[in-house]
Structure formats: C-alpha cells, structure tokens
Amino acid sequence: MALTRIGVFLLAVAGMAAGQVSDAPKHGADGGLLYPSDYREWVFLSSGLGMTYGPAASPGNPRFDNVFVTRAAYKGFLQSGTWPEGTMFVLEIRSATSEGSINKGGHFQTGLAAIEVEVKEKGVWTFYSFGSGDVAVGKAFGPKESCYACHGTNGAVDNTFVQFYPTLLPIAKAKGTLKAAK
C-alpha cells in the first residue's frame, strides 16, 4: 500500500516537473461534464461588456462575459492556430453595475449570472450549462440550441469566437486559420 502511494506520488511529481497539467475534460457517470472548479487558473482570453448573444444576454442591463481556456489548449493554439483535442472554454457571465464605492462612471463586475462551457472532444464541440456556478455536473445543450449554429456560422477559428480575443486574432491570421470575415 505504501509503495503504491509512493509510486503515484512520484508519477505526479514527474508530471509536474515535465510541465504537464491535466486540463482534460472530466465526465460524470451520466456523461455530463464535471464542473471545472479551477477555471480561474486557466488562461484569461478576454472580457466583453454587453455582448448580446446567447440566452444569458441582458441587453437592458449589460453583463460581462469573461472567457477562459485551458492552459494546454492555449499552448496548442499558439503553435498551430487551431484548437487541439480536449480544448475547454469557460464563459463566465457576470452582472455589471456602475454604482459602488468610489466609482463615478463606467461599469464593474458583480455577481455570477451563469457559467457555460464549450468542449472539443473527438473533433466535436459540445456546450454545457452550469447554471450560476451552483451545479456540479453540467448538462449538455441540445443539438438544436442556437449556440451550435451560431458558433458554426460565426466562429472565426474552429467553432470559436477568436475574433473577440485580441491576443489570439493575430496568431490565427499569421497561421492562416482565420475564416473569412462575414
């Protein structure tokens, strides 16, 4: 038993030393996606205010969309200009306000409104909902939900909105993976 623990520990240390991080999507017994609780340690891609696509949009009261991607996927994109197998994005949607503390103008982020995740597995992109972050296992959006058609039609690179990620757009252009603008 002790030798088994030592072996597992040594494998974990070897993986950390090699820079390996397990960002792979994990699924529950029912096939739902397990909540990626460490997503705020991933790579932050961008934040939008008042983006009005998707079911959590609130045109009259703008919300912030914060986008995170796994570290491994980010590194893969930097090398190839495309998203590797196992890529996971988190869209964190937060309410906004302009009244608080010393703020005299502009908006800042407040409460969590929704968490949505996009995953690439076996070459297929699937979208999951985690409510307002209070769900441990995300349920996949049905294939007829508008997110599938919208991303397929408007995604700048491989079903994703790279056009809104200012640090990745030049990479996609340089690698020739950017779809023609619509």
N, C-alpha and C. Protein backbone atom coordinates (compact mmCIF):
# COMPACT_ATOMS: atom_id res chain seq x y z
N MET A 1 0.83 -1.20 0.00
CA MET A 1 0.00 0.00 0.00
C MET A 1 0.86 1.25 0.00
N ALA A 2 1.87 1.28 0.88
CA ALA A 2 2.76 2.44 0.95
C ALA A 2 3.55 2.60 -0.34
N LEU A 3 3.98 1.46 -0.94
CA LEU A 3 4.71 1.55 -2.21
C LEU A 3 3.82 2.09 -3.32
N THR A 4 2.55 1.74 -3.29
CA THR A 4 1.61 2.25 -4.29
C THR A 4 1.49 3.76 -4.17
N ARG A 5 1.34 4.27 -2.94
CA ARG A 5 1.24 5.72 -2.72
C ARG A 5 2.51 6.44 -3.17
N ILE A 6 3.64 5.84 -2.87
CA ILE A 6 4.92 6.45 -3.28
C ILE A 6 5.00 6.50 -4.81
N GLY A 7 4.59 5.42 -5.46
CA GLY A 7 4.61 5.37 -6.93
C GLY A 7 3.71 6.42 -7.54
N VAL A 8 2.50 6.58 -7.01
CA VAL A 8 1.57 7.59 -7.50
C VAL A 8 2.15 8.99 -7.28
N PHE A 9 2.75 9.20 -6.10
CA PHE A 9 3.36 10.49 -5.80
C PHE A 9 4.48 10.79 -6.79
N LEU A 10 5.34 9.82 -7.05
CA LEU A 10 6.45 10.04 -7.98
C LEU A 10 5.97 10.32 -9.39
N LEU A 11 4.91 9.65 -9.84
CA LEU A 11 4.35 9.94 -11.15
C LEU A 11 3.79 11.35 -11.21
N ALA A 12 3.14 11.78 -10.15
CA ALA A 12 2.59 13.14 -10.11
C ALA A 12 3.71 14.17 -10.14
N VAL A 13 4.77 13.93 -9.37
CA VAL A 13 5.91 14.86 -9.36
C VAL A 13 6.57 14.89 -10.73
N ALA A 14 6.73 13.73 -11.37
CA ALA A 14 7.34 13.69 -12.69
C ALA A 14 6.50 14.46 -13.70
N GLY A 15 5.19 14.33 -13.61
CA GLY A 15 4.30 15.09 -14.50
C GLY A 15 4.42 16.57 -14.27
N MET A 16 4.50 17.02 -13.01
CA MET A 16 4.66 18.44 -12.72
C MET A 16 6.00 18.94 -13.21
N ALA A 17 7.04 18.13 -13.05
CA ALA A 17 8.37 18.54 -13.49
C ALA A 17 8.40 18.69 -15.01
N ALA A 18 7.65 17.88 -15.72
CA ALA A 18 7.62 17.97 -17.17
C ALA A 18 6.68 19.07 -17.64
N GLY A 19 6.05 19.77 -16.70
CA GLY A 19 5.15 20.85 -17.07
C GLY A 19 3.77 20.37 -17.50
N GLN A 20 3.43 19.14 -17.23
CA GLN A 20 2.15 18.60 -17.65
C GLN A 20 1.06 19.01 -16.66
N VAL A 21 -0.01 19.53 -17.20
CA VAL A 21 -1.16 19.91 -16.39
C VAL A 21 -2.36 19.19 -16.97
N SER A 22 -3.14 18.56 -16.12
CA SER A 22 -4.30 17.84 -16.62
C SER A 22 -5.49 18.79 -16.74
N ASP A 23 -5.66 19.32 -17.93
CA ASP A 23 -6.79 20.20 -18.22
C ASP A 23 -7.90 19.45 -18.95
N ALA A 24 -7.75 18.15 -19.08
CA ALA A 24 -8.70 17.37 -19.87
C ALA A 24 -10.10 17.43 -19.26
N PRO A 25 -11.11 17.47 -20.12
CA PRO A 25 -12.49 17.43 -19.62
C PRO A 25 -12.74 16.13 -18.85
N LYS A 26 -13.49 16.24 -17.78
CA LYS A 26 -13.85 15.06 -16.98
C LYS A 26 -15.36 14.95 -16.95
N HIS A 27 -15.85 13.73 -17.12
CA HIS A 27 -17.28 13.49 -17.20
C HIS A 27 -17.77 12.62 -16.05
N GLY A 28 -19.01 12.86 -15.65
CA GLY A 28 -19.66 12.04 -14.64
C GLY A 28 -20.20 10.77 -15.25
N ALA A 29 -20.77 9.91 -14.41
CA ALA A 29 -21.31 8.63 -14.86
C ALA A 29 -22.41 8.79 -15.90
N ASP A 30 -23.16 9.90 -15.83
CA ASP A 30 -24.26 10.12 -16.78
C ASP A 30 -23.79 10.82 -18.06
N GLY A 31 -22.47 11.08 -18.18
CA GLY A 31 -21.93 11.73 -19.38
C GLY A 31 -21.85 13.24 -19.27
N GLY A 32 -22.44 13.81 -18.22
CA GLY A 32 -22.37 15.25 -18.04
C GLY A 32 -20.94 15.67 -17.71
N LEU A 33 -20.64 16.92 -17.96
CA LEU A 33 -19.30 17.45 -17.73
C LEU A 33 -19.17 17.87 -16.26
N LEU A 34 -18.08 17.43 -15.62
CA LEU A 34 -17.83 17.85 -14.24
C LEU A 34 -17.39 19.30 -14.22
N TYR A 35 -17.85 20.05 -13.24
CA TYR A 35 -17.54 21.47 -13.12
C TYR A 35 -16.04 21.69 -13.02
N PRO A 36 -15.46 22.49 -13.92
CA PRO A 36 -14.02 22.75 -13.86
C PRO A 36 -13.71 23.84 -12.83
N SER A 37 -13.66 23.47 -11.58
CA SER A 37 -13.58 24.44 -10.49
C SER A 37 -12.31 25.29 -10.50
N ASP A 38 -11.28 24.87 -11.22
CA ASP A 38 -10.05 25.64 -11.27
C ASP A 38 -9.95 26.54 -12.50
N TYR A 39 -11.07 26.78 -13.19
CA TYR A 39 -11.01 27.52 -14.45
C TYR A 39 -10.42 28.92 -14.30
N ARG A 40 -10.51 29.52 -13.13
CA ARG A 40 -9.94 30.87 -12.95
C ARG A 40 -8.41 30.83 -12.89
N GLU A 41 -7.82 29.63 -12.91
CA GLU A 41 -6.37 29.47 -13.00
C GLU A 41 -5.94 29.23 -14.45
N TRP A 42 -6.90 29.13 -15.35
CA TRP A 42 -6.61 28.93 -16.76
C TRP A 42 -6.18 30.25 -17.38
N VAL A 43 -6.02 30.25 -18.69
CA VAL A 43 -5.63 31.46 -19.43
C VAL A 43 -6.86 32.32 -19.68
N PHE A 44 -6.79 33.57 -19.25
CA PHE A 44 -7.86 34.53 -19.48
C PHE A 44 -7.69 35.09 -20.89
N LEU A 45 -8.74 34.97 -21.72
CA LEU A 45 -8.65 35.42 -23.11
C LEU A 45 -9.20 36.81 -23.33
N SER A 46 -10.35 37.10 -22.72
CA SER A 46 -10.96 38.39 -22.99
C SER A 46 -12.19 38.58 -22.10
N SER A 47 -12.65 39.82 -22.09
CA SER A 47 -13.88 40.16 -21.40
C SER A 47 -14.66 41.09 -22.30
N GLY A 48 -15.94 40.84 -22.41
CA GLY A 48 -16.81 41.72 -23.19
C GLY A 48 -17.88 42.28 -22.28
N LEU A 49 -18.37 43.45 -22.62
CA LEU A 49 -19.45 44.07 -21.84
C LEU A 49 -20.65 44.27 -22.76
N GLY A 50 -21.77 43.72 -22.38
CA GLY A 50 -22.99 43.92 -23.13
C GLY A 50 -23.10 43.10 -24.40
N MET A 51 -22.31 42.03 -24.52
CA MET A 51 -22.43 41.15 -25.67
C MET A 51 -23.84 40.55 -25.62
N THR A 52 -24.56 40.59 -26.72
CA THR A 52 -25.98 40.22 -26.67
C THR A 52 -26.31 38.92 -27.37
N TYR A 53 -25.35 38.02 -27.45
CA TYR A 53 -25.66 36.70 -28.00
C TYR A 53 -25.90 35.75 -26.83
N GLY A 54 -26.66 34.71 -27.08
CA GLY A 54 -26.86 33.68 -26.07
C GLY A 54 -28.00 33.96 -25.12
N PRO A 55 -28.44 32.91 -24.42
CA PRO A 55 -29.60 33.00 -23.54
C PRO A 55 -29.38 33.84 -22.29
N ALA A 56 -28.14 34.02 -21.85
CA ALA A 56 -27.88 34.80 -20.64
C ALA A 56 -27.67 36.28 -20.93
N ALA A 57 -27.85 36.67 -22.20
CA ALA A 57 -27.67 38.08 -22.57
C ALA A 57 -28.74 38.93 -21.88
N SER A 58 -28.38 40.15 -21.58
CA SER A 58 -29.29 41.06 -20.91
C SER A 58 -29.08 42.46 -21.50
N PRO A 59 -29.69 42.74 -22.68
CA PRO A 59 -29.42 43.99 -23.40
C PRO A 59 -29.71 45.25 -22.58
N GLY A 60 -30.73 45.27 -21.77
CA GLY A 60 -31.08 46.45 -21.00
C GLY A 60 -30.15 46.68 -19.82
N ASN A 61 -29.53 45.63 -19.34
CA ASN A 61 -28.62 45.70 -18.21
C ASN A 61 -27.38 44.91 -18.62
N PRO A 62 -26.35 45.58 -19.18
CA PRO A 62 -25.23 44.84 -19.76
C PRO A 62 -24.52 43.95 -18.74
N ARG A 63 -24.07 42.81 -19.25
CA ARG A 63 -23.32 41.88 -18.42
C ARG A 63 -21.92 41.73 -18.99
N PHE A 64 -21.01 41.28 -18.13
CA PHE A 64 -19.65 40.98 -18.56
C PHE A 64 -19.55 39.51 -18.94
N ASP A 65 -18.88 39.23 -20.05
CA ASP A 65 -18.53 37.87 -20.44
C ASP A 65 -17.03 37.73 -20.27
N ASN A 66 -16.59 36.87 -19.38
CA ASN A 66 -15.17 36.58 -19.19
C ASN A 66 -14.90 35.21 -19.79
N VAL A 67 -13.87 35.11 -20.63
CA VAL A 67 -13.57 33.86 -21.33
C VAL A 67 -12.22 33.33 -20.88
N PHE A 68 -12.23 32.06 -20.47
CA PHE A 68 -11.03 31.35 -20.03
C PHE A 68 -10.87 30.10 -20.88
N VAL A 69 -9.62 29.69 -21.14
CA VAL A 69 -9.35 28.45 -21.87
C VAL A 69 -8.26 27.68 -21.14
N THR A 70 -8.30 26.38 -21.26
CA THR A 70 -7.30 25.56 -20.58
C THR A 70 -5.89 25.93 -21.05
N ARG A 71 -4.95 25.73 -20.17
CA ARG A 71 -3.56 26.07 -20.46
C ARG A 71 -3.03 25.26 -21.65
N ALA A 72 -3.32 23.97 -21.66
CA ALA A 72 -2.83 23.11 -22.74
C ALA A 72 -3.41 23.53 -24.08
N ALA A 73 -4.69 23.88 -24.11
CA ALA A 73 -5.32 24.31 -25.36
C ALA A 73 -4.71 25.62 -25.84
N TYR A 74 -4.45 26.53 -24.92
CA TYR A 74 -3.85 27.81 -25.28
C TYR A 74 -2.48 27.59 -25.92
N LYS A 75 -1.67 26.75 -25.30
CA LYS A 75 -0.34 26.45 -25.86
C LYS A 75 -0.46 25.81 -27.23
N GLY A 76 -1.43 24.90 -27.38
CA GLY A 76 -1.66 24.27 -28.68
C GLY A 76 -2.05 25.27 -29.74
N PHE A 77 -2.91 26.22 -29.36
CA PHE A 77 -3.35 27.25 -30.32
C PHE A 77 -2.17 28.13 -30.74
N LEU A 78 -1.32 28.49 -29.80
CA LEU A 78 -0.16 29.32 -30.12
C LEU A 78 0.74 28.65 -31.15
N GLN A 79 0.83 27.32 -31.10
CA GLN A 79 1.69 26.58 -32.02
C GLN A 79 1.05 26.38 -33.39
N SER A 80 -0.26 26.10 -33.40
CA SER A 80 -0.89 25.69 -34.67
C SER A 80 -1.94 26.66 -35.21
N GLY A 81 -2.48 27.53 -34.37
CA GLY A 81 -3.57 28.40 -34.81
C GLY A 81 -4.91 27.71 -34.81
N THR A 82 -4.97 26.49 -34.28
CA THR A 82 -6.23 25.76 -34.15
C THR A 82 -6.31 25.20 -32.73
N TRP A 83 -7.50 24.76 -32.36
CA TRP A 83 -7.72 24.25 -31.01
C TRP A 83 -7.54 22.74 -30.98
N PRO A 84 -6.68 22.24 -30.10
CA PRO A 84 -6.43 20.80 -30.03
C PRO A 84 -7.59 20.04 -29.38
N GLU A 85 -7.53 18.75 -29.56
CA GLU A 85 -8.47 17.84 -28.89
C GLU A 85 -8.43 18.08 -27.39
N GLY A 86 -9.59 18.10 -26.74
CA GLY A 86 -9.67 18.30 -25.30
C GLY A 86 -9.75 19.75 -24.88
N THR A 87 -9.83 20.67 -25.85
CA THR A 87 -9.95 22.09 -25.52
C THR A 87 -11.22 22.34 -24.72
N MET A 88 -11.10 23.17 -23.71
CA MET A 88 -12.26 23.59 -22.91
C MET A 88 -12.22 25.09 -22.71
N PHE A 89 -13.34 25.75 -23.03
CA PHE A 89 -13.52 27.16 -22.76
C PHE A 89 -14.55 27.31 -21.65
N VAL A 90 -14.37 28.30 -20.78
CA VAL A 90 -15.41 28.66 -19.83
C VAL A 90 -15.83 30.09 -20.14
N LEU A 91 -17.13 30.27 -20.29
CA LEU A 91 -17.72 31.60 -20.43
C LEU A 91 -18.37 31.90 -19.08
N GLU A 92 -17.77 32.85 -18.38
CA GLU A 92 -18.27 33.27 -17.07
C GLU A 92 -19.03 34.57 -17.29
N ILE A 93 -20.32 34.54 -17.02
CA ILE A 93 -21.17 35.72 -17.25
C ILE A 93 -21.47 36.34 -15.89
N ARG A 94 -21.11 37.63 -15.77
CA ARG A 94 -21.30 38.35 -14.51
C ARG A 94 -22.15 39.59 -14.72
N SER A 95 -22.92 39.91 -13.71
CA SER A 95 -23.72 41.13 -13.74
C SER A 95 -22.77 42.32 -13.66
N ALA A 96 -23.28 43.48 -14.07
CA ALA A 96 -22.49 44.70 -14.04
C ALA A 96 -23.26 45.79 -13.31
N THR A 97 -22.52 46.69 -12.72
CA THR A 97 -23.13 47.86 -12.11
C THR A 97 -22.17 49.02 -12.29
N SER A 98 -22.69 50.21 -12.11
CA SER A 98 -21.84 51.39 -12.20
C SER A 98 -21.85 52.17 -10.89
N GLU A 99 -22.63 51.67 -9.95
CA GLU A 99 -22.75 52.36 -8.66
C GLU A 99 -22.11 51.52 -7.57
N GLY A 100 -21.11 52.10 -6.89
CA GLY A 100 -20.47 51.41 -5.79
C GLY A 100 -19.14 52.03 -5.45
N SER A 101 -18.86 52.05 -4.18
CA SER A 101 -17.60 52.55 -3.65
C SER A 101 -17.27 53.91 -4.23
N ILE A 102 -16.08 54.07 -4.79
CA ILE A 102 -15.64 55.37 -5.28
C ILE A 102 -15.92 55.59 -6.76
N ASN A 103 -16.53 54.61 -7.42
CA ASN A 103 -16.77 54.69 -8.86
C ASN A 103 -17.71 55.84 -9.22
N LYS A 104 -17.31 56.65 -10.16
CA LYS A 104 -18.13 57.79 -10.63
C LYS A 104 -18.60 57.60 -12.07
N GLY A 105 -18.15 56.57 -12.74
CA GLY A 105 -18.56 56.30 -14.12
C GLY A 105 -18.05 54.93 -14.54
N GLY A 106 -18.54 54.45 -15.65
CA GLY A 106 -18.13 53.14 -16.12
C GLY A 106 -18.85 52.02 -15.39
N HIS A 107 -18.45 50.80 -15.69
CA HIS A 107 -19.07 49.61 -15.11
C HIS A 107 -18.01 48.70 -14.50
N PHE A 108 -18.41 47.94 -13.49
CA PHE A 108 -17.55 46.91 -12.93
C PHE A 108 -18.38 45.66 -12.70
N GLN A 109 -17.68 44.52 -12.58
CA GLN A 109 -18.35 43.23 -12.47
C GLN A 109 -18.84 42.98 -11.05
N THR A 110 -19.98 42.28 -10.99
CA THR A 110 -20.53 41.89 -9.68
C THR A 110 -20.87 40.41 -9.72
N GLY A 111 -22.05 40.04 -9.30
CA GLY A 111 -22.43 38.64 -9.11
C GLY A 111 -22.41 37.78 -10.35
N LEU A 112 -22.18 36.50 -10.12
CA LEU A 112 -22.15 35.49 -11.17
C LEU A 112 -23.57 35.22 -11.66
N ALA A 113 -23.77 35.35 -12.98
CA ALA A 113 -25.09 35.10 -13.57
C ALA A 113 -25.17 33.71 -14.20
N ALA A 114 -24.07 33.26 -14.82
CA ALA A 114 -24.09 31.96 -15.49
C ALA A 114 -22.68 31.50 -15.79
N ILE A 115 -22.53 30.18 -15.88
CA ILE A 115 -21.29 29.54 -16.32
C ILE A 115 -21.68 28.60 -17.46
N GLU A 116 -21.03 28.80 -18.60
CA GLU A 116 -21.23 27.92 -19.75
C GLU A 116 -19.87 27.44 -20.21
N VAL A 117 -19.80 26.21 -20.68
CA VAL A 117 -18.53 25.61 -21.09
C VAL A 117 -18.68 25.03 -22.49
N GLU A 118 -17.64 25.22 -23.30
CA GLU A 118 -17.58 24.62 -24.64
C GLU A 118 -16.39 23.67 -24.65
N VAL A 119 -16.60 22.44 -25.11
CA VAL A 119 -15.58 21.40 -25.08
C VAL A 119 -15.43 20.77 -26.45
N LYS A 120 -14.18 20.54 -26.84
CA LYS A 120 -13.90 19.83 -28.10
C LYS A 120 -13.40 18.43 -27.76
N GLU A 121 -14.23 17.43 -28.11
CA GLU A 121 -13.86 16.04 -27.87
C GLU A 121 -14.20 15.22 -29.11
N LYS A 122 -13.25 14.43 -29.55
CA LYS A 122 -13.39 13.61 -30.75
C LYS A 122 -13.78 14.48 -31.95
N GLY A 123 -13.22 15.68 -31.98
CA GLY A 123 -13.44 16.60 -33.09
C GLY A 123 -14.78 17.31 -33.08
N VAL A 124 -15.59 17.07 -32.05
CA VAL A 124 -16.93 17.66 -31.96
C VAL A 124 -16.98 18.64 -30.79
N TRP A 125 -17.60 19.79 -31.01
CA TRP A 125 -17.76 20.80 -29.97
C TRP A 125 -19.11 20.60 -29.30
N THR A 126 -19.12 20.61 -27.96
CA THR A 126 -20.35 20.46 -27.18
C THR A 126 -20.40 21.58 -26.15
N PHE A 127 -21.60 22.10 -25.92
CA PHE A 127 -21.82 23.19 -24.97
C PHE A 127 -22.53 22.65 -23.74
N TYR A 128 -22.10 23.13 -22.57
CA TYR A 128 -22.66 22.69 -21.29
C TYR A 128 -23.06 23.90 -20.46
N SER A 129 -24.11 23.73 -19.67
CA SER A 129 -24.56 24.78 -18.76
C SER A 129 -24.33 24.34 -17.32
N PHE A 130 -23.83 25.27 -16.51
CA PHE A 130 -23.63 25.04 -15.09
C PHE A 130 -24.45 26.02 -14.26
N GLY A 131 -25.54 26.51 -14.82
CA GLY A 131 -26.37 27.47 -14.10
C GLY A 131 -25.54 28.66 -13.68
N SER A 132 -25.70 29.10 -12.46
CA SER A 132 -24.91 30.22 -11.96
C SER A 132 -23.72 29.72 -11.14
N GLY A 133 -23.16 28.60 -11.58
CA GLY A 133 -21.99 28.03 -10.91
C GLY A 133 -22.33 27.15 -9.74
N ASP A 134 -23.61 26.83 -9.59
CA ASP A 134 -24.05 26.04 -8.45
C ASP A 134 -24.36 24.59 -8.82
N VAL A 135 -23.94 24.17 -10.01
CA VAL A 135 -24.21 22.82 -10.50
C VAL A 135 -22.88 22.09 -10.62
N ALA A 136 -22.78 20.90 -10.05
CA ALA A 136 -21.53 20.14 -10.06
C ALA A 136 -21.29 19.41 -11.38
N VAL A 137 -22.38 19.03 -12.07
CA VAL A 137 -22.27 18.33 -13.34
C VAL A 137 -23.10 19.09 -14.36
N GLY A 138 -22.42 19.57 -15.41
CA GLY A 138 -23.10 20.35 -16.43
C GLY A 138 -23.85 19.47 -17.40
N LYS A 139 -24.99 19.96 -17.79
CA LYS A 139 -25.83 19.25 -18.76
C LYS A 139 -25.55 19.83 -20.15
N ALA A 140 -25.38 18.96 -21.12
CA ALA A 140 -25.12 19.40 -22.49
C ALA A 140 -26.34 20.10 -23.06
N PHE A 141 -26.10 21.18 -23.77
CA PHE A 141 -27.17 21.83 -24.52
C PHE A 141 -27.58 20.88 -25.64
N GLY A 142 -28.86 20.85 -25.96
CA GLY A 142 -29.34 20.01 -27.05
C GLY A 142 -28.78 20.47 -28.39
N PRO A 143 -28.66 19.55 -29.35
CA PRO A 143 -28.04 19.88 -30.63
C PRO A 143 -28.79 20.94 -31.44
N LYS A 144 -30.03 21.21 -31.09
CA LYS A 144 -30.80 22.23 -31.83
C LYS A 144 -30.71 23.61 -31.18
N GLU A 145 -29.98 23.72 -30.07
CA GLU A 145 -29.82 25.03 -29.42
C GLU A 145 -29.06 25.97 -30.36
N SER A 146 -29.36 27.24 -30.25
CA SER A 146 -28.80 28.23 -31.17
C SER A 146 -27.28 28.37 -31.08
N CYS A 147 -26.69 27.98 -29.95
CA CYS A 147 -25.22 28.14 -29.81
C CYS A 147 -24.48 27.33 -30.87
N TYR A 148 -24.99 26.16 -31.24
CA TYR A 148 -24.31 25.32 -32.22
C TYR A 148 -24.28 25.99 -33.59
N ALA A 149 -25.42 26.46 -34.05
CA ALA A 149 -25.49 27.12 -35.36
C ALA A 149 -24.71 28.43 -35.36
N CYS A 150 -24.82 29.20 -34.29
CA CYS A 150 -24.13 30.49 -34.22
C CYS A 150 -22.61 30.31 -34.24
N HIS A 151 -22.10 29.40 -33.44
CA HIS A 151 -20.65 29.17 -33.42
C HIS A 151 -20.18 28.60 -34.75
N GLY A 152 -20.95 27.68 -35.31
CA GLY A 152 -20.57 27.08 -36.59
C GLY A 152 -20.53 28.11 -37.72
N THR A 153 -21.46 29.04 -37.70
CA THR A 153 -21.54 30.06 -38.74
C THR A 153 -20.58 31.22 -38.49
N ASN A 154 -20.48 31.67 -37.25
CA ASN A 154 -19.76 32.91 -36.93
C ASN A 154 -18.40 32.73 -36.26
N GLY A 155 -18.08 31.51 -35.86
CA GLY A 155 -16.79 31.29 -35.22
C GLY A 155 -15.65 31.57 -36.19
N ALA A 156 -14.69 32.36 -35.78
CA ALA A 156 -13.59 32.76 -36.65
C ALA A 156 -12.56 31.65 -36.84
N VAL A 157 -12.39 30.80 -35.82
CA VAL A 157 -11.46 29.67 -35.90
C VAL A 157 -12.10 28.48 -35.21
N ASP A 158 -12.28 27.41 -35.98
CA ASP A 158 -12.70 26.14 -35.39
C ASP A 158 -13.84 26.28 -34.38
N ASN A 159 -14.92 26.90 -34.79
CA ASN A 159 -16.14 26.97 -33.98
C ASN A 159 -16.04 27.93 -32.80
N THR A 160 -14.99 28.74 -32.73
CA THR A 160 -14.80 29.64 -31.60
C THR A 160 -14.67 31.09 -32.06
N PHE A 161 -14.99 32.00 -31.17
CA PHE A 161 -15.02 33.43 -31.50
C PHE A 161 -13.67 34.10 -31.28
N VAL A 162 -12.66 33.61 -31.97
CA VAL A 162 -11.32 34.18 -31.86
C VAL A 162 -11.32 35.65 -32.27
N GLN A 163 -12.30 36.07 -33.06
CA GLN A 163 -12.39 37.48 -33.46
C GLN A 163 -12.56 38.40 -32.26
N PHE A 164 -12.95 37.86 -31.11
CA PHE A 164 -13.12 38.67 -29.89
C PHE A 164 -11.95 38.51 -28.92
N TYR A 165 -10.92 37.77 -29.30
CA TYR A 165 -9.76 37.53 -28.44
C TYR A 165 -8.56 38.27 -29.04
N PRO A 166 -8.31 39.50 -28.63
CA PRO A 166 -7.30 40.32 -29.30
C PRO A 166 -5.88 39.76 -29.27
N THR A 167 -5.56 38.89 -28.33
CA THR A 167 -4.21 38.33 -28.31
C THR A 167 -4.07 37.11 -29.22
N LEU A 168 -5.19 36.50 -29.61
CA LEU A 168 -5.13 35.32 -30.47
C LEU A 168 -5.45 35.60 -31.93
N LEU A 169 -6.14 36.69 -32.20
CA LEU A 169 -6.51 37.03 -33.57
C LEU A 169 -5.28 37.15 -34.48
N PRO A 170 -4.22 37.84 -34.06
CA PRO A 170 -3.04 37.93 -34.93
C PRO A 170 -2.39 36.56 -35.19
N ILE A 171 -2.48 35.66 -34.22
CA ILE A 171 -1.90 34.32 -34.39
C ILE A 171 -2.69 33.56 -35.45
N ALA A 172 -4.02 33.62 -35.37
CA ALA A 172 -4.85 32.95 -36.36
C ALA A 172 -4.59 33.50 -37.77
N LYS A 173 -4.43 34.82 -37.86
CA LYS A 173 -4.12 35.44 -39.15
C LYS A 173 -2.78 34.94 -39.67
N ALA A 174 -1.77 34.94 -38.82
CA ALA A 174 -0.43 34.52 -39.21
C ALA A 174 -0.37 33.05 -39.60
N LYS A 175 -1.16 32.20 -38.94
CA LYS A 175 -1.16 30.77 -39.21
C LYS A 175 -2.11 30.40 -40.35
N GLY A 176 -2.91 31.37 -40.82
CA GLY A 176 -3.84 31.13 -41.91
C GLY A 176 -5.05 30.30 -41.52
N THR A 177 -5.46 30.33 -40.24
CA THR A 177 -6.58 29.52 -39.79
C THR A 177 -7.87 30.33 -39.60
N LEU A 178 -7.80 31.61 -39.84
CA LEU A 178 -8.95 32.51 -39.64
C LEU A 178 -9.92 32.38 -40.81
N LYS A 179 -11.19 32.14 -40.50
CA LYS A 179 -12.22 32.11 -41.56
C LYS A 179 -12.37 33.49 -42.14
N ALA A 180 -12.82 33.56 -43.37
CA ALA A 180 -13.08 34.86 -44.00
C ALA A 180 -14.15 35.58 -43.22
N ALA A 181 -13.99 36.89 -43.06
CA ALA A 181 -14.97 37.70 -42.32
C ALA A 181 -16.31 37.68 -43.03
N LYS A 182 -17.35 37.67 -42.24
CA LYS A 182 -18.71 37.66 -42.79
C LYS A 182 -19.24 39.07 -42.83
